[in-house]
Every structure is written in C-alpha cells, then in structure tokens.
PDB file of N, CA and C in Angstrom:
ATOM      1  N   MET A   1      29.598  -4.147  13.241  1.00  0.00           N
ATOM      2  CA  MET A   1      28.708  -3.827  12.320  1.00  0.00           C
ATOM      3  C   MET A   1      27.369  -4.158  13.111  1.00  0.00           C
ATOM      4  N   GLY A   2      27.259  -5.266  13.927  1.00  0.00           N
ATOM      5  CA  GLY A   2      25.997  -5.520  14.897  1.00  0.00           C
ATOM      6  C   GLY A   2      25.637  -4.398  15.796  1.00  0.00           C
ATOM      7  N   HIS A   3      26.655  -3.497  16.185  1.00  0.00           N
ATOM      8  CA  HIS A   3      26.436  -2.444  17.008  1.00  0.00           C
ATOM      9  C   HIS A   3      25.681  -1.353  16.282  1.00  0.00           C
ATOM     10  N   LEU A   4      26.112  -1.238  14.944  1.00  0.00           N
ATOM     11  CA  LEU A   4      25.624  -0.283  14.186  1.00  0.00           C
ATOM     12  C   LEU A   4      24.131  -0.544  13.983  1.00  0.00           C
ATOM     13  N   LEU A   5      23.858  -1.824  13.116  1.00  0.00           N
ATOM     14  CA  LEU A   5      22.631  -2.299  13.045  1.00  0.00           C
ATOM     15  C   LEU A   5      21.742  -1.909  14.276  1.00  0.00           C
ATOM     16  N   GLY A   6      22.177  -2.499  15.336  1.00  0.00           N
ATOM     17  CA  GLY A   6      21.273  -1.990  16.601  1.00  0.00           C
ATOM     18  C   GLY A   6      20.980  -0.818  16.565  1.00  0.00           C
ATOM     19  N   LEU A   7      21.846   0.195  16.644  1.00  0.00           N
ATOM     20  CA  LEU A   7      21.552   1.479  16.437  1.00  0.00           C
ATOM     21  C   LEU A   7      20.517   2.326  15.639  1.00  0.00           C
ATOM     22  N   ILE A   8      20.551   1.278  14.435  1.00  0.00           N
ATOM     23  CA  ILE A   8      19.513   1.740  13.300  1.00  0.00           C
ATOM     24  C   ILE A   8      18.151   1.047  13.801  1.00  0.00           C
ATOM     25  N   VAL A   9      18.218   0.114  14.584  1.00  0.00           N
ATOM     26  CA  VAL A   9      16.770  -0.280  14.881  1.00  0.00           C
ATOM     27  C   VAL A   9      16.128   0.705  15.729  1.00  0.00           C
ATOM     28  N   GLU A  10      17.090   0.975  16.781  1.00  0.00           N
ATOM     29  CA  GLU A  10      16.532   1.843  17.746  1.00  0.00           C
ATOM     30  C   GLU A  10      16.225   3.299  17.192  1.00  0.00           C
ATOM     31  N   ARG A  11      16.739   3.792  16.326  1.00  0.00           N
ATOM     32  CA  ARG A  11      16.609   5.150  15.668  1.00  0.00           C
ATOM     33  C   ARG A  11      15.382   4.998  14.833  1.00  0.00           C
ATOM     34  N   ASP A  12      15.222   3.958  14.075  1.00  0.00           N
ATOM     35  CA  ASP A  12      14.045   3.708  13.201  1.00  0.00           C
ATOM     36  C   ASP A  12      12.891   3.635  14.242  1.00  0.00           C
ATOM     37  N   GLN A  13      12.912   3.003  15.342  1.00  0.00           N
ATOM     38  CA  GLN A  13      11.817   2.643  16.223  1.00  0.00           C
ATOM     39  C   GLN A  13      11.545   4.048  16.736  1.00  0.00           C
ATOM     40  N   ALA A  14      12.457   4.992  17.060  1.00  0.00           N
ATOM     41  CA  ALA A  14      12.318   6.260  17.527  1.00  0.00           C
ATOM     42  C   ALA A  14      11.378   7.258  16.425  1.00  0.00           C
ATOM     43  N   ASP A  15      11.949   7.268  14.967  1.00  0.00           N
ATOM     44  CA  ASP A  15      11.332   7.765  14.336  1.00  0.00           C
ATOM     45  C   ASP A  15      10.027   7.641  13.576  1.00  0.00           C
ATOM     46  N   ALA A  16       9.843   6.162  13.625  1.00  0.00           N
ATOM     47  CA  ALA A  16       8.506   5.559  13.079  1.00  0.00           C
ATOM     48  C   ALA A  16       8.171   4.422  14.090  1.00  0.00           C
ATOM     49  N   PRO A  17       7.681   4.533  15.228  1.00  0.00           N
ATOM     50  CA  PRO A  17       7.179   3.800  16.198  1.00  0.00           C
ATOM     51  C   PRO A  17       6.080   2.871  15.467  1.00  0.00           C
ATOM     52  N   SER A  18       6.392   1.518  15.972  1.00  0.00           N
ATOM     53  CA  SER A  18       5.377   0.563  15.309  1.00  0.00           C
ATOM     54  C   SER A  18       5.274  -0.482  16.507  1.00  0.00           C
ATOM     55  N   VAL A  19       4.175  -1.184  16.593  1.00  0.00           N
ATOM     56  CA  VAL A  19       3.907  -2.026  17.420  1.00  0.00           C
ATOM     57  C   VAL A  19       3.372  -3.348  16.935  1.00  0.00           C
ATOM     58  N   PRO A  20       3.980  -4.456  17.094  1.00  0.00           N
ATOM     59  CA  PRO A  20       5.380  -4.629  17.688  1.00  0.00           C
ATOM     60  C   PRO A  20       6.606  -3.903  17.058  1.00  0.00           C
ATOM     61  N   PRO A  21       7.755  -3.576  17.541  1.00  0.00           N
ATOM     62  CA  PRO A  21       8.540  -3.099  16.870  1.00  0.00           C
ATOM     63  C   PRO A  21       9.084  -3.608  15.438  1.00  0.00           C
ATOM     64  N   LEU A  22       9.399  -2.767  14.592  1.00  0.00           N
ATOM     65  CA  LEU A  22       9.941  -3.289  13.425  1.00  0.00           C
ATOM     66  C   LEU A  22      11.507  -3.311  13.548  1.00  0.00           C
ATOM     67  N   MET A  23      12.084  -4.249  13.076  1.00  0.00           N
ATOM     68  CA  MET A  23      13.512  -4.389  13.074  1.00  0.00           C
ATOM     69  C   MET A  23      14.211  -4.185  11.891  1.00  0.00           C
ATOM     70  N   LEU A  24      14.691  -2.857  11.204  1.00  0.00           N
ATOM     71  CA  LEU A  24      15.115  -2.627  10.014  1.00  0.00           C
ATOM     72  C   LEU A  24      16.546  -3.492   9.700  1.00  0.00           C
ATOM     73  N   SER A  25      17.017  -3.849  10.561  1.00  0.00           N
ATOM     74  CA  SER A  25      18.151  -4.632  10.311  1.00  0.00           C
ATOM     75  C   SER A  25      17.983  -6.075   9.840  1.00  0.00           C
ATOM     76  N   ALA A  26      16.530  -6.506   9.802  1.00  0.00           N
ATOM     77  CA  ALA A  26      16.239  -7.759   9.117  1.00  0.00           C
ATOM     78  C   ALA A  26      16.617  -7.932   7.489  1.00  0.00           C
ATOM     79  N   LEU A  27      16.765  -6.693   7.159  1.00  0.00           N
ATOM     80  CA  LEU A  27      17.023  -6.521   5.790  1.00  0.00           C
ATOM     81  C   LEU A  27      18.677  -6.982   5.495  1.00  0.00           C
ATOM     82  N   VAL A  28      19.348  -7.187   6.497  1.00  0.00           N
ATOM     83  CA  VAL A  28      20.838  -7.284   6.257  1.00  0.00           C
ATOM     84  C   VAL A  28      21.001  -8.946   6.615  1.00  0.00           C
ATOM     85  N   ASN A  29      21.549  -9.810   5.541  1.00  0.00           N
ATOM     86  CA  ASN A  29      21.790 -11.111   5.662  1.00  0.00           C
ATOM     87  C   ASN A  29      23.291 -11.478   6.317  1.00  0.00           C
ATOM     88  N   TYR A  30      23.031 -12.351   7.059  1.00  0.00           N
ATOM     89  CA  TYR A  30      24.330 -12.560   7.844  1.00  0.00           C
ATOM     90  C   TYR A  30      25.424 -13.336   6.875  1.00  0.00           C
ATOM     91  N   LEU A  31      26.915 -13.060   6.964  1.00  0.00           N
ATOM     92  CA  LEU A  31      27.614 -13.505   5.894  1.00  0.00           C
ATOM     93  C   LEU A  31      27.341 -14.969   5.682  1.00  0.00           C
ATOM     94  N   ASP A  32      27.460 -15.468   4.553  1.00  0.00           N
ATOM     95  CA  ASP A  32      27.248 -16.823   3.994  1.00  0.00           C
ATOM     96  C   ASP A  32      26.183 -17.457   4.660  1.00  0.00           C
ATOM     97  N   ALA A  33      25.036 -16.949   4.664  1.00  0.00           N
ATOM     98  CA  ALA A  33      23.781 -17.517   5.165  1.00  0.00           C
ATOM     99  C   ALA A  33      22.930 -16.747   4.539  1.00  0.00           C
ATOM    100  N   ASN A  34      21.639 -17.354   4.686  1.00  0.00           N
ATOM    101  CA  ASN A  34      20.269 -16.908   4.032  1.00  0.00           C
ATOM    102  C   ASN A  34      19.314 -16.367   5.048  1.00  0.00           C
ATOM    103  N   ASP A  35      19.639 -15.940   5.992  1.00  0.00           N
ATOM    104  CA  ASP A  35      18.888 -14.956   6.944  1.00  0.00           C
ATOM    105  C   ASP A  35      19.557 -14.041   7.779  1.00  0.00           C
ATOM    106  N   ALA A  36      19.074 -13.717   8.716  1.00  0.00           N
ATOM    107  CA  ALA A  36      19.911 -12.753   9.811  1.00  0.00           C
ATOM    108  C   ALA A  36      20.767 -13.558  10.783  1.00  0.00           C
ATOM    109  N   GLY A  37      21.547 -12.702  11.149  1.00  0.00           N
ATOM    110  CA  GLY A  37      22.776 -13.304  11.872  1.00  0.00           C
ATOM    111  C   GLY A  37      22.293 -13.357  13.464  1.00  0.00           C
ATOM    112  N   PRO A  38      23.228 -13.913  14.247  1.00  0.00           N
ATOM    113  CA  PRO A  38      22.944 -13.949  15.615  1.00  0.00           C
ATOM    114  C   PRO A  38      22.463 -12.799  16.444  1.00  0.00           C
ATOM    115  N   GLY A  39      23.208 -11.561  15.919  1.00  0.00           N
ATOM    116  CA  GLY A  39      22.983 -10.581  16.576  1.00  0.00           C
ATOM    117  C   GLY A  39      21.482  -9.938  16.529  1.00  0.00           C
ATOM    118  N   PHE A  40      20.916 -10.420  15.162  1.00  0.00           N
ATOM    119  CA  PHE A  40      19.861  -9.855  15.165  1.00  0.00           C
ATOM    120  C   PHE A  40      18.627 -10.645  16.154  1.00  0.00           C
ATOM    121  N   TYR A  41      18.934 -11.794  16.198  1.00  0.00           N
ATOM    122  CA  TYR A  41      17.988 -12.490  17.056  1.00  0.00           C
ATOM    123  C   TYR A  41      18.392 -12.163  18.503  1.00  0.00           C
ATOM    124  N   GLN A  42      19.770 -11.809  18.910  1.00  0.00           N
ATOM    125  CA  GLN A  42      19.683 -11.596  20.273  1.00  0.00           C
ATOM    126  C   GLN A  42      18.996 -10.301  20.602  1.00  0.00           C
ATOM    127  N   LEU A  43      19.159  -9.388  19.527  1.00  0.00           N
ATOM    128  CA  LEU A  43      18.475  -7.998  19.892  1.00  0.00           C
ATOM    129  C   LEU A  43      16.724  -8.173  20.110  1.00  0.00           C
ATOM    130  N   ALA A  44      16.282  -9.048  19.108  1.00  0.00           N
ATOM    131  CA  ALA A  44      15.036  -9.478  19.112  1.00  0.00           C
ATOM    132  C   ALA A  44      14.711  -9.952  20.663  1.00  0.00           C
ATOM    133  N   LYS A  45      15.465 -10.737  21.201  1.00  0.00           N
ATOM    134  CA  LYS A  45      15.151 -11.268  22.646  1.00  0.00           C
ATOM    135  C   LYS A  45      15.323 -10.141  23.589  1.00  0.00           C
ATOM    136  N   GLU A  46      16.077  -9.385  23.527  1.00  0.00           N
ATOM    137  CA  GLU A  46      16.250  -8.346  24.145  1.00  0.00           C
ATOM    138  C   GLU A  46      15.127  -7.121  24.233  1.00  0.00           C
ATOM    139  N   LEU A  47      14.603  -7.150  22.991  1.00  0.00           N
ATOM    140  CA  LEU A  47      13.537  -6.202  22.946  1.00  0.00           C
ATOM    141  C   LEU A  47      11.974  -7.142  23.277  1.00  0.00           C
ATOM    142  N   GLN A  48      12.214  -8.426  23.607  1.00  0.00           N
ATOM    143  CA  GLN A  48      11.382  -8.968  24.103  1.00  0.00           C
ATOM    144  C   GLN A  48      10.033  -9.532  22.676  1.00  0.00           C
ATOM    145  N   LEU A  49      10.721  -9.533  21.574  1.00  0.00           N
ATOM    146  CA  LEU A  49      10.155 -10.043  20.476  1.00  0.00           C
ATOM    147  C   LEU A  49      10.232 -11.315  20.359  1.00  0.00           C
ATOM    148  N   LEU A  50      11.112 -11.866  20.740  1.00  0.00           N
ATOM    149  CA  LEU A  50      11.354 -13.417  20.750  1.00  0.00           C
ATOM    150  C   LEU A  50      11.658 -13.958  22.027  1.00  0.00           C
ATOM    151  N   PRO A  51      11.163 -15.303  22.515  1.00  0.00           N
ATOM    152  CA  PRO A  51      11.477 -15.945  23.502  1.00  0.00           C
ATOM    153  C   PRO A  51      12.863 -16.049  23.594  1.00  0.00           C
ATOM    154  N   MET A  52      13.520 -15.978  25.113  1.00  0.00           N
ATOM    155  CA  MET A  52      14.956 -16.403  25.217  1.00  0.00           C
ATOM    156  C   MET A  52      15.209 -18.058  24.422  1.00  0.00           C
ATOM    157  N   SER A  53      14.213 -18.788  24.695  1.00  0.00           N
ATOM    158  CA  SER A  53      14.678 -20.071  24.308  1.00  0.00           C
ATOM    159  C   SER A  53      13.954 -20.336  22.894  1.00  0.00           C
ATOM    160  N   ALA A  54      14.082 -19.292  22.115  1.00  0.00           N
ATOM    161  CA  ALA A  54      13.484 -19.715  20.535  1.00  0.00           C
ATOM    162  C   ALA A  54      14.267 -20.431  20.109  1.00  0.00           C
ATOM    163  N   SER A  55      13.533 -21.575  19.264  1.00  0.00           N
ATOM    164  CA  SER A  55      13.974 -22.594  18.306  1.00  0.00           C
ATOM    165  C   SER A  55      14.517 -21.835  17.008  1.00  0.00           C
ATOM    166  N   LYS A  56      15.376 -22.659  16.468  1.00  0.00           N
ATOM    167  CA  LYS A  56      15.761 -22.242  15.112  1.00  0.00           C
ATOM    168  C   LYS A  56      14.476 -21.954  14.069  1.00  0.00           C
ATOM    169  N   ASP A  57      13.477 -22.789  14.071  1.00  0.00           N
ATOM    170  CA  ASP A  57      12.187 -22.490  13.297  1.00  0.00           C
ATOM    171  C   ASP A  57      11.516 -21.189  13.709  1.00  0.00           C
ATOM    172  N   GLU A  58      11.547 -20.860  15.167  1.00  0.00           N
ATOM    173  CA  GLU A  58      10.878 -19.505  15.523  1.00  0.00           C
ATOM    174  C   GLU A  58      11.438 -18.545  15.109  1.00  0.00           C
ATOM    175  N   LYS A  59      13.024 -18.413  15.316  1.00  0.00           N
ATOM    176  CA  LYS A  59      13.723 -17.469  14.824  1.00  0.00           C
ATOM    177  C   LYS A  59      13.430 -17.001  13.381  1.00  0.00           C
ATOM    178  N   PHE A  60      13.648 -18.087  12.427  1.00  0.00           N
ATOM    179  CA  PHE A  60      13.241 -17.936  11.056  1.00  0.00           C
ATOM    180  C   PHE A  60      11.958 -17.462  10.674  1.00  0.00           C
ATOM    181  N   SER A  61      10.894 -17.679  11.314  1.00  0.00           N
ATOM    182  CA  SER A  61       9.496 -17.491  11.063  1.00  0.00           C
ATOM    183  C   SER A  61       9.684 -15.731  11.546  1.00  0.00           C
ATOM    184  N   PHE A  62      10.087 -15.649  12.800  1.00  0.00           N
ATOM    185  CA  PHE A  62      10.059 -14.278  13.173  1.00  0.00           C
ATOM    186  C   PHE A  62      11.007 -13.147  12.099  1.00  0.00           C
ATOM    187  N   TRP A  63      12.058 -13.944  11.632  1.00  0.00           N
ATOM    188  CA  TRP A  63      12.746 -13.051  10.333  1.00  0.00           C
ATOM    189  C   TRP A  63      11.831 -12.775   9.320  1.00  0.00           C
ATOM    190  N   ILE A  64      11.083 -13.807   8.782  1.00  0.00           N
ATOM    191  CA  ILE A  64      10.327 -13.650   7.670  1.00  0.00           C
ATOM    192  C   ILE A  64       9.124 -12.758   8.076  1.00  0.00           C
ATOM    193  N   GLN A  65       8.584 -12.871   9.157  1.00  0.00           N
ATOM    194  CA  GLN A  65       7.689 -11.942   9.565  1.00  0.00           C
ATOM    195  C   GLN A  65       7.974 -10.297   9.450  1.00  0.00           C
ATOM    196  N   GLN A  66       9.190 -10.097  10.162  1.00  0.00           N
ATOM    197  CA  GLN A  66       9.853  -8.694  10.117  1.00  0.00           C
ATOM    198  C   GLN A  66      10.098  -8.259   8.647  1.00  0.00           C
ATOM    199  N   MET A  67      10.583  -9.120   7.632  1.00  0.00           N
ATOM    200  CA  MET A  67      10.899  -8.878   6.115  1.00  0.00           C
ATOM    201  C   MET A  67       9.610  -8.490   5.642  1.00  0.00           C
ATOM    202  N   ASN A  68       8.349  -9.419   5.840  1.00  0.00           N
ATOM    203  CA  ASN A  68       7.141  -8.987   5.013  1.00  0.00           C
ATOM    204  C   ASN A  68       6.773  -7.880   5.849  1.00  0.00           C
ATOM    205  N   ARG A  69       6.765  -7.452   7.034  1.00  0.00           N
ATOM    206  CA  ARG A  69       6.308  -6.078   7.552  1.00  0.00           C
ATOM    207  C   ARG A  69       6.930  -4.976   6.949  1.00  0.00           C
ATOM    208  N   LEU A  70       8.343  -5.272   6.925  1.00  0.00           N
ATOM    209  CA  LEU A  70       9.225  -4.334   6.125  1.00  0.00           C
ATOM    210  C   LEU A  70       8.898  -4.107   4.646  1.00  0.00           C
ATOM    211  N   TYR A  71       8.662  -4.903   3.986  1.00  0.00           N
ATOM    212  CA  TYR A  71       7.978  -4.969   2.475  1.00  0.00           C
ATOM    213  C   TYR A  71       6.961  -4.084   2.448  1.00  0.00           C
ATOM    214  N   GLU A  72       5.924  -4.371   3.541  1.00  0.00           N
ATOM    215  CA  GLU A  72       4.626  -3.852   3.616  1.00  0.00           C
ATOM    216  C   GLU A  72       4.972  -2.327   3.768  1.00  0.00           C
ATOM    217  N   ARG A  73       5.587  -1.947   4.791  1.00  0.00           N
ATOM    218  CA  ARG A  73       5.754  -0.572   5.173  1.00  0.00           C
ATOM    219  C   ARG A  73       6.567   0.260   4.107  1.00  0.00           C
ATOM    220  N   HIS A  74       7.566  -0.502   3.294  1.00  0.00           N
ATOM    221  CA  HIS A  74       8.046   0.512   2.301  1.00  0.00           C
ATOM    222  C   HIS A  74       7.949   0.178   0.980  1.00  0.00           C
ATOM    223  N   GLY A  75       6.550  -0.509   0.671  1.00  0.00           N
ATOM    224  CA  GLY A  75       6.008  -0.827  -0.607  1.00  0.00           C
ATOM    225  C   GLY A  75       6.660  -1.766  -1.630  1.00  0.00           C
ATOM    226  N   ALA A  76       7.495  -2.754  -1.107  1.00  0.00           N
ATOM    227  CA  ALA A  76       8.208  -3.626  -2.006  1.00  0.00           C
ATOM    228  C   ALA A  76       7.515  -5.187  -1.709  1.00  0.00           C
ATOM    229  N   ARG A  77       7.622  -6.008  -2.755  1.00  0.00           N
ATOM    230  CA  ARG A  77       7.173  -7.499  -2.683  1.00  0.00           C
ATOM    231  C   ARG A  77       7.331  -8.174  -1.470  1.00  0.00           C
ATOM    232  N   PRO A  78       6.543  -8.824  -1.001  1.00  0.00           N
ATOM    233  CA  PRO A  78       6.681  -9.754   0.103  1.00  0.00           C
ATOM    234  C   PRO A  78       7.691 -10.659   0.041  1.00  0.00           C
ATOM    235  N   ALA A  79       8.429 -11.285   1.003  1.00  0.00           N
ATOM    236  CA  ALA A  79       9.237 -12.413   1.118  1.00  0.00           C
ATOM    237  C   ALA A  79       8.714 -13.626   1.185  1.00  0.00           C
ATOM    238  N   VAL A  80       9.515 -14.522   0.714  1.00  0.00           N
ATOM    239  CA  VAL A  80       8.838 -16.089   0.679  1.00  0.00           C
ATOM    240  C   VAL A  80       8.462 -16.194   2.042  1.00  0.00           C
ATOM    241  N   THR A  81       7.129 -17.096   2.008  1.00  0.00           N
ATOM    242  CA  THR A  81       6.795 -17.481   3.430  1.00  0.00           C
ATOM    243  C   THR A  81       6.581 -19.077   3.449  1.00  0.00           C
TER     244      THR A  81
END
C-alpha cells in the first residue's frame, strides 16, 4: 500500500506541480492512528520536505500543513490546527 501511495504522490506532482510539493497521500490515515504512517514521513524526508531528524511534533505539524493545503486545493474545510 505504501508503494502505491508513493506513486500517487509522484503522479499528482507530475500532473499538478506545486512548490513545495503537495502529498496527496496525507489524506490516508495509518491503521489505528490519527495521522499518516511512517511511509508518509519517510517519503517526505526523501523529497526533502522534512528533515531526516524530524521530531514527532515536526512530523505532525507537517502532516497538518499538508492536509490544510489539500483542503485549500480541493475546496474542502481545513483540518484542525
């Protein structure tokens, strides 16, 4: 599933480029969690959107920012800040 989500992020960036890149996979919650999974954060690090040493709070903040940008892009309500 993680590989597929990574491909979706790549395809979305190719079809609708944004700076910084927007990760459509932010919309997918990790099983039994209330945020994205480790694969999401690893991809963000590989795309240099998150520092390799990002703390739990930095990761959560990044995820919320991605969610809010996705809501702005697609016209839905913003995530909780």
